[in-house]
Amino acid sequence: MNNHYELYKGRNEPTCLKKGCGYINLRECVDVAVLRKLEVELQSLNPDAVVIPWLSRPFGSIEGYGMYLRPSADALIRRAQSEHWPDPVPGRVYDLAWIIRRLERCSETTAANSR
């Protein structure tokens, strides 16, 4: 088995991003309940925790998510790029600040739509 696949299989996956047999696309997520659950999961792990999607190319199908500390996440992405890993590969890093901004935008949109 490939070493990168072992890293993928050994990831710590946030439970709130699983939907049936697939995954919620965090980039498009506007579900405040899901975002709040993810915020709590990351904060309980560590304030420096991030979530990364594992993707299959060329279309970016989400194969899963993993929670990591920021330095480990950055090292994982650099390693994947330098070693040219086959699928699945780690994608964009989402940190607590991103989730909080997303929650604020969703709240603003909900408030504007309810007027």
N, C-alpha and C. Protein backbone atom coordinates (compact mmCIF):
# COMPACT_ATOMS: atom_id res chain seq x y z
N MET A 1 0.85 -1.18 0.00
CA MET A 1 0.00 0.00 0.00
C MET A 1 0.89 1.24 0.00
N ASN A 2 0.47 2.26 -0.71
CA ASN A 2 1.24 3.50 -0.77
C ASN A 2 1.19 4.23 0.56
N ASN A 3 2.30 4.86 0.90
CA ASN A 3 2.40 5.60 2.16
C ASN A 3 1.37 6.73 2.23
N HIS A 4 1.14 7.41 1.11
CA HIS A 4 0.17 8.51 1.14
C HIS A 4 -1.24 7.98 1.39
N TYR A 5 -1.54 6.78 0.90
CA TYR A 5 -2.86 6.20 1.12
C TYR A 5 -3.04 5.82 2.59
N GLU A 6 -1.97 5.41 3.23
CA GLU A 6 -2.03 5.12 4.67
C GLU A 6 -2.33 6.40 5.45
N LEU A 7 -1.74 7.52 5.03
CA LEU A 7 -2.03 8.80 5.67
C LEU A 7 -3.50 9.19 5.47
N TYR A 8 -4.02 8.93 4.27
CA TYR A 8 -5.43 9.21 3.98
C TYR A 8 -6.33 8.34 4.85
N LYS A 9 -6.05 7.04 4.91
CA LYS A 9 -6.89 6.12 5.68
C LYS A 9 -6.79 6.39 7.18
N GLY A 10 -5.67 6.92 7.65
CA GLY A 10 -5.47 7.17 9.07
C GLY A 10 -5.92 8.54 9.54
N ARG A 11 -6.58 9.28 8.69
CA ARG A 11 -6.98 10.65 9.04
C ARG A 11 -8.04 10.65 10.15
N ASN A 12 -8.11 11.75 10.87
CA ASN A 12 -9.12 11.98 11.90
C ASN A 12 -10.23 12.78 11.23
N GLU A 13 -11.32 12.11 10.92
CA GLU A 13 -12.36 12.73 10.10
C GLU A 13 -13.44 13.40 10.95
N PRO A 14 -13.80 14.66 10.63
CA PRO A 14 -14.90 15.30 11.34
C PRO A 14 -16.23 14.63 10.96
N THR A 15 -16.98 14.21 11.95
CA THR A 15 -18.21 13.46 11.69
C THR A 15 -19.29 14.30 11.03
N CYS A 16 -19.28 15.60 11.25
CA CYS A 16 -20.36 16.46 10.75
C CYS A 16 -20.31 16.68 9.24
N LEU A 17 -19.22 16.33 8.57
CA LEU A 17 -19.11 16.57 7.13
C LEU A 17 -19.49 15.34 6.29
N LYS A 18 -19.82 14.25 6.93
CA LYS A 18 -20.25 13.05 6.22
C LYS A 18 -21.75 13.18 5.95
N LYS A 19 -22.15 12.88 4.72
CA LYS A 19 -23.57 12.97 4.36
C LYS A 19 -23.92 11.72 3.56
N GLY A 20 -24.61 10.79 4.18
CA GLY A 20 -24.92 9.53 3.52
C GLY A 20 -23.63 8.80 3.20
N CYS A 21 -23.47 8.43 1.94
CA CYS A 21 -22.23 7.76 1.54
C CYS A 21 -21.24 8.75 0.93
N GLY A 22 -21.56 10.05 0.99
CA GLY A 22 -20.68 11.08 0.44
C GLY A 22 -20.29 12.09 1.49
N TYR A 23 -19.84 13.24 1.01
CA TYR A 23 -19.37 14.30 1.90
C TYR A 23 -19.94 15.64 1.47
N ILE A 24 -20.15 16.50 2.47
CA ILE A 24 -20.57 17.88 2.22
C ILE A 24 -19.39 18.64 1.64
N ASN A 25 -19.64 19.46 0.63
CA ASN A 25 -18.59 20.31 0.07
C ASN A 25 -18.48 21.54 0.96
N LEU A 26 -17.43 21.60 1.74
CA LEU A 26 -17.27 22.68 2.71
C LEU A 26 -17.20 24.04 2.04
N ARG A 27 -16.62 24.12 0.87
CA ARG A 27 -16.51 25.40 0.16
C ARG A 27 -17.89 25.97 -0.17
N GLU A 28 -18.86 25.10 -0.42
CA GLU A 28 -20.21 25.55 -0.78
C GLU A 28 -21.20 25.50 0.37
N CYS A 29 -20.77 25.03 1.54
CA CYS A 29 -21.67 24.81 2.66
C CYS A 29 -22.20 26.12 3.23
N VAL A 30 -23.52 26.20 3.35
CA VAL A 30 -24.17 27.35 3.99
C VAL A 30 -25.06 26.89 5.14
N ASP A 31 -24.93 25.63 5.52
CA ASP A 31 -25.70 25.06 6.62
C ASP A 31 -25.05 25.46 7.94
N VAL A 32 -25.70 26.38 8.66
CA VAL A 32 -25.15 26.92 9.90
C VAL A 32 -24.94 25.82 10.93
N ALA A 33 -25.84 24.85 11.00
CA ALA A 33 -25.70 23.76 11.98
C ALA A 33 -24.44 22.95 11.72
N VAL A 34 -24.17 22.64 10.46
CA VAL A 34 -22.96 21.87 10.10
C VAL A 34 -21.71 22.69 10.42
N LEU A 35 -21.72 23.96 10.07
CA LEU A 35 -20.56 24.81 10.32
C LEU A 35 -20.30 24.97 11.82
N ARG A 36 -21.36 25.09 12.61
CA ARG A 36 -21.19 25.20 14.07
C ARG A 36 -20.61 23.91 14.65
N LYS A 37 -21.11 22.77 14.18
CA LYS A 37 -20.58 21.48 14.66
C LYS A 37 -19.10 21.34 14.31
N LEU A 38 -18.74 21.76 13.11
CA LEU A 38 -17.34 21.69 12.70
C LEU A 38 -16.49 22.63 13.56
N GLU A 39 -17.01 23.81 13.83
CA GLU A 39 -16.31 24.76 14.70
C GLU A 39 -16.03 24.13 16.07
N VAL A 40 -17.03 23.48 16.64
CA VAL A 40 -16.88 22.84 17.95
C VAL A 40 -15.87 21.69 17.87
N GLU A 41 -15.95 20.87 16.82
CA GLU A 41 -15.01 19.74 16.67
C GLU A 41 -13.57 20.23 16.58
N LEU A 42 -13.34 21.27 15.79
CA LEU A 42 -11.98 21.79 15.65
C LEU A 42 -11.49 22.42 16.95
N GLN A 43 -12.35 23.19 17.61
CA GLN A 43 -11.95 23.83 18.87
C GLN A 43 -11.65 22.79 19.95
N SER A 44 -12.41 21.70 19.96
CA SER A 44 -12.17 20.67 20.97
C SER A 44 -10.87 19.91 20.70
N LEU A 45 -10.47 19.85 19.45
CA LEU A 45 -9.22 19.19 19.10
C LEU A 45 -8.04 20.08 19.50
N ASN A 46 -8.06 21.33 19.03
CA ASN A 46 -6.98 22.28 19.32
C ASN A 46 -7.33 23.60 18.62
N PRO A 47 -7.04 24.74 19.25
CA PRO A 47 -7.33 26.02 18.59
C PRO A 47 -6.59 26.19 17.26
N ASP A 48 -5.50 25.45 17.08
CA ASP A 48 -4.71 25.53 15.84
C ASP A 48 -5.09 24.43 14.85
N ALA A 49 -6.23 23.77 15.10
CA ALA A 49 -6.66 22.69 14.22
C ALA A 49 -7.28 23.22 12.93
N VAL A 50 -7.11 22.47 11.86
CA VAL A 50 -7.69 22.80 10.56
C VAL A 50 -8.32 21.54 9.98
N VAL A 51 -9.12 21.73 8.96
CA VAL A 51 -9.70 20.60 8.24
C VAL A 51 -9.26 20.70 6.78
N ILE A 52 -8.94 19.54 6.20
CA ILE A 52 -8.50 19.48 4.81
C ILE A 52 -9.33 18.43 4.08
N PRO A 53 -9.87 18.77 2.91
CA PRO A 53 -10.52 17.73 2.11
C PRO A 53 -9.46 16.89 1.40
N TRP A 54 -9.74 15.62 1.24
CA TRP A 54 -8.91 14.73 0.41
C TRP A 54 -9.66 14.58 -0.90
N LEU A 55 -9.00 14.92 -2.01
CA LEU A 55 -9.66 15.04 -3.30
C LEU A 55 -9.14 14.06 -4.34
N SER A 56 -10.03 13.68 -5.25
CA SER A 56 -9.65 12.94 -6.45
C SER A 56 -9.71 13.90 -7.62
N ARG A 57 -8.70 13.85 -8.45
CA ARG A 57 -8.66 14.74 -9.62
C ARG A 57 -9.27 14.02 -10.82
N PRO A 58 -9.63 14.64 -11.88
CA PRO A 58 -9.42 16.06 -12.18
C PRO A 58 -10.56 16.95 -11.69
N PHE A 59 -11.65 16.39 -11.22
CA PHE A 59 -12.82 17.21 -10.92
C PHE A 59 -12.94 17.59 -9.45
N GLY A 60 -12.02 17.17 -8.61
CA GLY A 60 -12.04 17.55 -7.21
C GLY A 60 -13.10 16.85 -6.39
N SER A 61 -13.42 15.61 -6.74
CA SER A 61 -14.38 14.84 -5.94
C SER A 61 -13.83 14.66 -4.54
N ILE A 62 -14.66 14.90 -3.54
CA ILE A 62 -14.22 14.79 -2.15
C ILE A 62 -14.27 13.33 -1.72
N GLU A 63 -13.11 12.80 -1.33
CA GLU A 63 -13.00 11.42 -0.88
C GLU A 63 -13.06 11.32 0.63
N GLY A 64 -12.97 12.45 1.31
CA GLY A 64 -13.02 12.48 2.77
C GLY A 64 -12.41 13.78 3.27
N TYR A 65 -12.45 13.96 4.57
CA TYR A 65 -11.85 15.11 5.23
C TYR A 65 -10.95 14.61 6.34
N GLY A 66 -9.99 15.43 6.70
CA GLY A 66 -9.12 15.12 7.83
C GLY A 66 -8.89 16.36 8.67
N MET A 67 -8.80 16.16 9.99
CA MET A 67 -8.48 17.27 10.88
C MET A 67 -7.03 17.13 11.32
N TYR A 68 -6.30 18.23 11.25
CA TYR A 68 -4.88 18.23 11.56
C TYR A 68 -4.53 19.52 12.28
N LEU A 69 -3.37 19.52 12.94
CA LEU A 69 -2.83 20.78 13.43
C LEU A 69 -2.24 21.51 12.23
N ARG A 70 -2.26 22.82 12.26
CA ARG A 70 -1.86 23.62 11.11
C ARG A 70 -0.47 23.26 10.57
N PRO A 71 0.56 23.15 11.41
CA PRO A 71 1.88 22.81 10.87
C PRO A 71 1.90 21.44 10.16
N SER A 72 1.19 20.48 10.71
CA SER A 72 1.13 19.15 10.09
C SER A 72 0.39 19.21 8.75
N ALA A 73 -0.67 20.00 8.71
CA ALA A 73 -1.44 20.15 7.47
C ALA A 73 -0.60 20.77 6.37
N ASP A 74 0.12 21.83 6.72
CA ASP A 74 0.97 22.50 5.73
C ASP A 74 2.07 21.55 5.23
N ALA A 75 2.65 20.78 6.14
CA ALA A 75 3.70 19.83 5.75
C ALA A 75 3.13 18.73 4.86
N LEU A 76 1.92 18.28 5.16
CA LEU A 76 1.27 17.24 4.37
C LEU A 76 1.02 17.71 2.93
N ILE A 77 0.55 18.94 2.79
CA ILE A 77 0.28 19.49 1.46
C ILE A 77 1.57 19.67 0.68
N ARG A 78 2.60 20.21 1.33
CA ARG A 78 3.90 20.38 0.65
C ARG A 78 4.45 19.02 0.20
N ARG A 79 4.33 18.03 1.06
CA ARG A 79 4.84 16.69 0.71
C ARG A 79 4.07 16.10 -0.47
N ALA A 80 2.76 16.25 -0.46
CA ALA A 80 1.94 15.74 -1.56
C ALA A 80 2.35 16.39 -2.88
N GLN A 81 2.62 17.70 -2.85
CA GLN A 81 3.00 18.40 -4.07
C GLN A 81 4.40 18.01 -4.53
N SER A 82 5.33 17.90 -3.60
CA SER A 82 6.71 17.58 -4.00
C SER A 82 6.87 16.14 -4.46
N GLU A 83 6.07 15.23 -3.88
CA GLU A 83 6.17 13.81 -4.25
C GLU A 83 5.19 13.41 -5.34
N HIS A 84 4.36 14.35 -5.79
CA HIS A 84 3.38 14.10 -6.86
C HIS A 84 2.52 12.88 -6.54
N TRP A 85 1.84 12.94 -5.39
CA TRP A 85 1.00 11.83 -4.97
C TRP A 85 -0.12 11.57 -5.96
N PRO A 86 -0.47 10.30 -6.15
CA PRO A 86 -1.69 9.99 -6.89
C PRO A 86 -2.90 10.25 -5.98
N ASP A 87 -4.09 10.11 -6.51
CA ASP A 87 -5.30 10.38 -5.74
C ASP A 87 -5.47 9.37 -4.61
N PRO A 88 -6.07 9.80 -3.53
CA PRO A 88 -6.55 11.14 -3.19
C PRO A 88 -5.41 12.02 -2.68
N VAL A 89 -5.56 13.31 -2.88
CA VAL A 89 -4.55 14.28 -2.45
C VAL A 89 -5.21 15.29 -1.50
N PRO A 90 -4.43 15.85 -0.56
CA PRO A 90 -5.00 16.87 0.32
C PRO A 90 -5.26 18.16 -0.44
N GLY A 91 -6.37 18.80 -0.12
CA GLY A 91 -6.75 20.04 -0.80
C GLY A 91 -6.53 21.27 0.07
N ARG A 92 -7.40 22.25 -0.10
CA ARG A 92 -7.31 23.55 0.58
C ARG A 92 -7.50 23.39 2.08
N VAL A 93 -6.79 24.20 2.85
CA VAL A 93 -6.89 24.20 4.32
C VAL A 93 -8.02 25.14 4.74
N TYR A 94 -8.89 24.63 5.60
CA TYR A 94 -9.95 25.45 6.20
C TYR A 94 -9.68 25.53 7.70
N ASP A 95 -9.46 26.74 8.20
CA ASP A 95 -9.18 26.92 9.62
C ASP A 95 -10.39 27.51 10.34
N LEU A 96 -10.27 27.67 11.66
CA LEU A 96 -11.38 28.21 12.45
C LEU A 96 -11.78 29.61 11.99
N ALA A 97 -10.81 30.43 11.63
CA ALA A 97 -11.12 31.79 11.16
C ALA A 97 -11.99 31.73 9.91
N TRP A 98 -11.71 30.82 8.99
CA TRP A 98 -12.51 30.68 7.78
C TRP A 98 -13.94 30.26 8.14
N ILE A 99 -14.06 29.31 9.06
CA ILE A 99 -15.38 28.81 9.45
C ILE A 99 -16.18 29.93 10.12
N ILE A 100 -15.55 30.71 10.97
CA ILE A 100 -16.24 31.82 11.64
C ILE A 100 -16.70 32.87 10.62
N ARG A 101 -15.84 33.19 9.65
CA ARG A 101 -16.24 34.14 8.59
C ARG A 101 -17.43 33.59 7.79
N ARG A 102 -17.39 32.31 7.48
CA ARG A 102 -18.49 31.67 6.74
C ARG A 102 -19.77 31.75 7.56
N LEU A 103 -19.69 31.47 8.85
CA LEU A 103 -20.87 31.55 9.72
C LEU A 103 -21.43 32.97 9.74
N GLU A 104 -20.57 33.97 9.80
CA GLU A 104 -21.02 35.36 9.79
C GLU A 104 -21.73 35.69 8.48
N ARG A 105 -21.14 35.24 7.37
CA ARG A 105 -21.78 35.50 6.06
C ARG A 105 -23.13 34.81 5.96
N CYS A 106 -23.23 33.58 6.46
CA CYS A 106 -24.50 32.85 6.42
C CYS A 106 -25.54 33.55 7.29
N SER A 107 -25.12 34.05 8.45
CA SER A 107 -26.04 34.77 9.35
C SER A 107 -26.52 36.06 8.69
N GLU A 108 -25.62 36.79 8.05
CA GLU A 108 -25.99 38.03 7.36
C GLU A 108 -26.97 37.76 6.23
N THR A 109 -26.73 36.70 5.47
CA THR A 109 -27.62 36.33 4.37
C THR A 109 -28.99 35.94 4.90
N THR A 110 -29.02 35.17 5.98
CA THR A 110 -30.29 34.75 6.57
C THR A 110 -31.06 35.97 7.08
N ALA A 111 -30.36 36.90 7.74
CA ALA A 111 -31.02 38.11 8.26
C ALA A 111 -31.55 38.97 7.12
N ALA A 112 -30.77 39.12 6.05
CA ALA A 112 -31.21 39.93 4.90
C ALA A 112 -32.40 39.29 4.21
N ASN A 113 -32.44 37.98 4.13
CA ASN A 113 -33.55 37.28 3.47
C ASN A 113 -34.81 37.29 4.30
N SER A 114 -34.70 37.48 5.60
CA SER A 114 -35.89 37.46 6.45
C SER A 114 -36.55 38.83 6.57
N ARG A 115 -35.94 39.86 5.98
CA ARG A 115 -36.54 41.21 6.03
C ARG A 115 -37.66 41.36 5.06
